[in-house]
Amino acid sequence: MRQINHINITDTNGKIYCCLRNKIVTLDDHQKQKFCGGCKMFAGDAGGRGVECVWDDIRPVANPHIVNNPFTEMLSNQARRVNLTDHLSTVAVFGV
């Protein structure tokens, strides 16, 4: 996976998608102090327009990844890749 700089711009209601909490939050002083302040993904304040976070992202996004809609970003992050394996190769038959 690639380390991607996610630039989360607050929407008109002051909301962003928070990867740490995996939900949409209001980017206020409480969020910044309690969560962003201790988060290892935190990478800046997006020039005062939101928050920047750097984390491994499996999605094919640009770097930096500009996020203007926290809802679509949250939905996009809920998809998970599932690696299918050849289960028949792990089957063992005992006795007859």
C-alpha atoms as a PDB file:
ATOM      1  CA  MET A   1       0.000   0.000   0.000  1.00  0.00           C
ATOM      2  CA  ARG A   2       1.028   3.557  -0.609  1.00  0.00           C
ATOM      3  CA  GLN A   3       1.323   6.324   1.966  1.00  0.00           C
ATOM      4  CA  ILE A   4      -1.136   8.943   0.704  1.00  0.00           C
ATOM      5  CA  ASN A   5      -1.512  12.506   1.965  1.00  0.00           C
ATOM      6  CA  HIS A   6      -5.266  13.012   2.422  1.00  0.00           C
ATOM      7  CA  ILE A   7      -6.196  16.692   2.428  1.00  0.00           C
ATOM      8  CA  ASN A   8      -9.606  16.800   4.086  1.00  0.00           C
ATOM      9  CA  ILE A   9     -11.269  20.152   3.421  1.00  0.00           C
ATOM     10  CA  THR A  10     -14.157  20.926   5.769  1.00  0.00           C
ATOM     11  CA  ASP A  11     -17.567  20.981   4.124  1.00  0.00           C
ATOM     12  CA  THR A  12     -20.069  23.825   4.586  1.00  0.00           C
ATOM     13  CA  ASN A  13     -21.024  22.376   7.994  1.00  0.00           C
ATOM     14  CA  GLY A  14     -17.418  22.120   9.221  1.00  0.00           C
ATOM     15  CA  LYS A  15     -17.356  18.323   8.828  1.00  0.00           C
ATOM     16  CA  ILE A  16     -14.579  16.009   7.651  1.00  0.00           C
ATOM     17  CA  TYR A  17     -14.089  12.250   7.389  1.00  0.00           C
ATOM     18  CA  CYS A  18     -11.798  11.040  10.184  1.00  0.00           C
ATOM     19  CA  CYS A  19      -9.937   7.838   9.302  1.00  0.00           C
ATOM     20  CA  LEU A  20      -8.878   7.284  12.920  1.00  0.00           C
ATOM     21  CA  ARG A  21     -12.482   7.250  14.112  1.00  0.00           C
ATOM     22  CA  ASN A  22     -13.891   5.957  10.797  1.00  0.00           C
ATOM     23  CA  LYS A  23     -16.705   8.462  10.829  1.00  0.00           C
ATOM     24  CA  ILE A  24     -17.692  11.965   9.837  1.00  0.00           C
ATOM     25  CA  VAL A  25     -16.853  14.468  12.558  1.00  0.00           C
ATOM     26  CA  THR A  26     -17.004  18.197  13.154  1.00  0.00           C
ATOM     27  CA  LEU A  27     -13.484  19.580  12.913  1.00  0.00           C
ATOM     28  CA  ASP A  28     -13.630  21.730  16.042  1.00  0.00           C
ATOM     29  CA  ASP A  29     -11.189  22.350  18.894  1.00  0.00           C
ATOM     30  CA  HIS A  30     -12.379  19.210  20.714  1.00  0.00           C
ATOM     31  CA  GLN A  31     -11.668  17.003  17.665  1.00  0.00           C
ATOM     32  CA  LYS A  32      -8.308  18.659  17.045  1.00  0.00           C
ATOM     33  CA  GLN A  33      -7.134  18.346  20.651  1.00  0.00           C
ATOM     34  CA  LYS A  34      -8.551  14.957  21.611  1.00  0.00           C
ATOM     35  CA  PHE A  35      -8.056  13.071  18.356  1.00  0.00           C
ATOM     36  CA  CYS A  36      -5.889  14.910  15.802  1.00  0.00           C
ATOM     37  CA  GLY A  37      -3.346  15.973  18.422  1.00  0.00           C
ATOM     38  CA  GLY A  38      -2.408  12.394  19.288  1.00  0.00           C
ATOM     39  CA  CYS A  39      -2.996  10.770  15.919  1.00  0.00           C
ATOM     40  CA  LYS A  40       0.038   9.304  14.150  1.00  0.00           C
ATOM     41  CA  MET A  41      -1.663  10.000  10.796  1.00  0.00           C
ATOM     42  CA  PHE A  42      -1.974  13.759  11.456  1.00  0.00           C
ATOM     43  CA  ALA A  43       0.098  15.769   8.979  1.00  0.00           C
ATOM     44  CA  GLY A  44      -1.133  19.362   9.211  1.00  0.00           C
ATOM     45  CA  ASP A  45      -4.048  21.761   9.097  1.00  0.00           C
ATOM     46  CA  ALA A  46      -4.477  21.948   5.305  1.00  0.00           C
ATOM     47  CA  GLY A  47      -3.618  25.629   5.334  1.00  0.00           C
ATOM     48  CA  GLY A  48      -6.414  26.343   7.814  1.00  0.00           C
ATOM     49  CA  ARG A  49      -9.041  24.778   5.531  1.00  0.00           C
ATOM     50  CA  GLY A  50      -9.273  21.363   7.217  1.00  0.00           C
ATOM     51  CA  VAL A  51      -6.817  18.651   8.182  1.00  0.00           C
ATOM     52  CA  GLU A  52      -4.141  16.593   6.443  1.00  0.00           C
ATOM     53  CA  CYS A  53      -3.647  12.943   7.270  1.00  0.00           C
ATOM     54  CA  VAL A  54      -1.119  10.488   5.846  1.00  0.00           C
ATOM     55  CA  TRP A  55      -2.022   6.802   5.830  1.00  0.00           C
ATOM     56  CA  ASP A  56      -1.782   3.644   3.737  1.00  0.00           C
ATOM     57  CA  ASP A  57      -4.549   3.671   1.161  1.00  0.00           C
ATOM     58  CA  ILE A  58      -5.378   0.680  -1.033  1.00  0.00           C
ATOM     59  CA  ARG A  59      -7.609   2.744  -3.313  1.00  0.00           C
ATOM     60  CA  PRO A  60      -6.298   4.098  -6.617  1.00  0.00           C
ATOM     61  CA  VAL A  61      -6.277   7.773  -5.571  1.00  0.00           C
ATOM     62  CA  ALA A  62      -3.925  10.642  -6.370  1.00  0.00           C
ATOM     63  CA  ASN A  63      -1.224  11.771  -3.964  1.00  0.00           C
ATOM     64  CA  PRO A  64      -2.197  14.131  -2.483  1.00  0.00           C
ATOM     65  CA  HIS A  65      -5.833  13.049  -2.326  1.00  0.00           C
ATOM     66  CA  ILE A  66      -8.112  16.092  -1.969  1.00  0.00           C
ATOM     67  CA  VAL A  67     -11.341  15.348  -0.082  1.00  0.00           C
ATOM     68  CA  ASN A  68     -14.184  17.867  -0.394  1.00  0.00           C
ATOM     69  CA  ASN A  69     -17.072  15.557   0.487  1.00  0.00           C
ATOM     70  CA  PRO A  70     -16.658  13.664   3.770  1.00  0.00           C
ATOM     71  CA  PHE A  71     -19.682  11.440   3.107  1.00  0.00           C
ATOM     72  CA  THR A  72     -18.402  10.039  -0.191  1.00  0.00           C
ATOM     73  CA  GLU A  73     -14.931   9.637   1.336  1.00  0.00           C
ATOM     74  CA  MET A  74     -16.355   7.635   4.239  1.00  0.00           C
ATOM     75  CA  LEU A  75     -18.347   5.394   1.891  1.00  0.00           C
ATOM     76  CA  SER A  76     -15.330   4.866  -0.330  1.00  0.00           C
ATOM     77  CA  ASN A  77     -13.287   3.746   2.674  1.00  0.00           C
ATOM     78  CA  GLN A  78     -15.787   1.083   3.709  1.00  0.00           C
ATOM     79  CA  ALA A  79     -15.033  -1.136   0.709  1.00  0.00           C
ATOM     80  CA  ARG A  80     -12.606  -3.926   1.558  1.00  0.00           C
ATOM     81  CA  ARG A  81     -10.614  -6.180  -0.714  1.00  0.00           C
ATOM     82  CA  VAL A  82     -11.048  -9.879  -0.155  1.00  0.00           C
ATOM     83  CA  ASN A  83      -8.335 -12.198  -1.381  1.00  0.00           C
ATOM     84  CA  LEU A  84      -9.829 -15.452  -2.535  1.00  0.00           C
ATOM     85  CA  THR A  85      -7.682 -18.521  -2.108  1.00  0.00           C
ATOM     86  CA  ASP A  86      -7.838 -21.951  -3.621  1.00  0.00           C
ATOM     87  CA  HIS A  87      -9.636 -23.738  -0.796  1.00  0.00           C
ATOM     88  CA  LEU A  88      -9.410 -27.122  -2.504  1.00  0.00           C
ATOM     89  CA  SER A  89      -5.649 -27.103  -2.127  1.00  0.00           C
ATOM     90  CA  THR A  90      -6.090 -26.971   1.655  1.00  0.00           C
ATOM     91  CA  VAL A  91      -8.527 -29.882   1.915  1.00  0.00           C
ATOM     92  CA  ALA A  92      -7.235 -33.029   3.582  1.00  0.00           C
ATOM     93  CA  VAL A  93      -9.062 -36.346   3.366  1.00  0.00           C
ATOM     94  CA  PHE A  94      -8.622 -38.812   6.234  1.00  0.00           C
ATOM     95  CA  GLY A  95      -9.516 -42.512   6.105  1.00  0.00           C
ATOM     96  CA  VAL A  96     -12.061 -44.191   3.980  1.00  0.00           C
END
